[in-house]
Amino acid sequence: MNTNTTVGNDRLTIIGTALAAPTTTPDHIAEFPVRDVWTGREYLVRIDADDLGVFVSAGARIEVRGEAGWTIPGRSWRGEASRTLLQAQDVAAGELLLAA
């Protein structure tokens, strides 16, 4: 499996660590930050809350497949890194990812 590799038009798969539990927007979209274990890059994962079929908490190891979007600038005064928006089609979590 290729991790963190762009396939086609900005489609990618990352394995990373959730930095926070998801929050749900008024549009019923779940959002949470993830740090890629291979590059250290941060992504803001967005997925329809009904499609998020796994429990995600801060520190959870997850795999996300989706399409990359624009970069959201970090707020340096809060110590935040810039994050790439990742519109997820699939989020997986579990013990098998711990070996990655």
Protein backbone atom coordinates (compact mmCIF):
# COMPACT_ATOMS: atom_id res chain seq x y z
CA MET A 1 0.00 0.00 0.00
CA ASN A 2 1.31 3.46 -0.86
CA THR A 3 0.85 5.89 1.99
CA ASN A 4 0.76 9.62 1.56
CA THR A 5 1.06 9.26 -2.21
CA THR A 6 -0.97 11.37 -4.56
CA VAL A 7 -2.94 9.20 -6.97
CA GLY A 8 -4.61 11.03 -9.85
CA ASN A 9 -6.05 14.42 -8.96
CA ASP A 10 -5.08 15.10 -5.34
CA ARG A 11 -6.41 11.75 -4.08
CA LEU A 12 -4.34 10.39 -1.24
CA THR A 13 -4.22 8.01 1.65
CA ILE A 14 -2.62 8.94 4.95
CA ILE A 15 -1.95 7.02 8.13
CA GLY A 16 -1.73 9.29 11.09
CA THR A 17 -2.66 10.24 14.59
CA ALA A 18 -5.84 12.15 15.41
CA LEU A 19 -4.87 15.32 17.28
CA ALA A 20 -8.40 15.84 18.64
CA ALA A 21 -11.80 14.19 18.66
CA PRO A 22 -14.15 15.18 15.83
CA THR A 23 -16.42 18.16 16.16
CA THR A 24 -19.63 18.39 14.15
CA THR A 25 -20.43 21.52 12.17
CA PRO A 26 -23.97 22.85 11.73
CA ASP A 27 -23.86 21.25 8.24
CA HIS A 28 -23.46 17.82 9.95
CA ILE A 29 -19.82 17.50 8.86
CA ALA A 30 -17.33 15.87 11.25
CA GLU A 31 -13.95 17.64 11.35
CA PHE A 32 -10.76 16.68 13.14
CA PRO A 33 -7.02 17.28 12.72
CA VAL A 34 -4.66 14.40 11.85
CA ARG A 35 -0.85 14.37 11.76
CA ASP A 36 0.65 12.06 9.10
CA VAL A 37 3.09 9.65 10.76
CA TRP A 38 5.43 9.62 7.74
CA THR A 39 5.77 13.32 6.95
CA GLY A 40 4.54 15.10 10.08
CA ARG A 41 2.17 17.15 7.92
CA GLU A 42 -1.15 18.08 9.45
CA TYR A 43 -4.50 17.64 7.73
CA LEU A 44 -7.98 18.80 8.65
CA VAL A 45 -10.13 15.78 7.86
CA ARG A 46 -13.75 16.45 6.90
CA ILE A 47 -16.36 13.75 6.39
CA ASP A 48 -20.14 13.59 6.57
CA ALA A 49 -20.87 12.76 10.22
CA ASP A 50 -23.11 9.86 9.15
CA ASP A 51 -20.24 8.34 7.13
CA LEU A 52 -17.76 8.40 10.00
CA GLY A 53 -18.18 4.77 11.00
CA VAL A 54 -15.39 4.60 13.58
CA PHE A 55 -14.82 6.12 17.01
CA VAL A 56 -12.05 8.72 16.85
CA SER A 57 -10.41 10.21 19.92
CA ALA A 58 -7.28 12.27 20.43
CA GLY A 59 -4.25 10.02 19.96
CA ALA A 60 -6.08 7.39 17.89
CA ARG A 61 -4.19 5.90 14.93
CA ILE A 62 -6.29 6.14 11.78
CA GLU A 63 -6.12 5.73 8.02
CA VAL A 64 -7.89 8.28 5.85
CA ARG A 65 -8.58 8.09 2.11
CA GLY A 66 -9.86 11.14 0.31
CA GLU A 67 -9.14 14.20 -1.78
CA ALA A 68 -6.82 17.01 -0.75
CA GLY A 69 -8.10 20.56 -0.95
CA TRP A 70 -6.76 23.97 -0.11
CA THR A 71 -4.39 24.77 2.75
CA ILE A 72 -5.78 26.41 5.85
CA PRO A 73 -3.16 28.78 7.31
CA GLY A 74 -2.13 28.11 10.90
CA ARG A 75 -2.47 30.70 13.61
CA SER A 76 1.12 31.22 14.74
CA TRP A 77 0.07 33.02 17.92
CA ARG A 78 -1.71 29.80 18.97
CA GLY A 79 1.12 27.51 17.85
CA GLU A 80 -1.01 25.97 15.09
CA ALA A 81 0.52 24.53 11.94
CA SER A 82 -1.01 25.09 8.53
CA ARG A 83 -3.27 22.19 7.58
CA THR A 84 -4.36 20.78 4.25
CA LEU A 85 -8.08 20.15 4.02
CA LEU A 86 -8.74 16.45 3.32
CA GLN A 87 -12.27 15.61 2.19
CA ALA A 88 -12.45 11.99 3.33
CA GLN A 89 -14.34 9.20 1.61
CA ASP A 90 -13.20 6.59 4.13
CA VAL A 91 -11.79 6.64 7.66
CA ALA A 92 -10.52 3.42 9.26
CA ALA A 93 -9.14 2.80 12.73
CA GLY A 94 -8.02 -0.28 14.53
CA GLU A 95 -5.28 -2.46 15.89
CA LEU A 96 -3.89 -3.32 12.45
CA LEU A 97 -2.83 0.30 11.98
CA LEU A 98 -0.62 0.15 15.06
CA ALA A 99 1.92 -1.88 13.09
CA ALA A 100 2.28 0.85 10.49
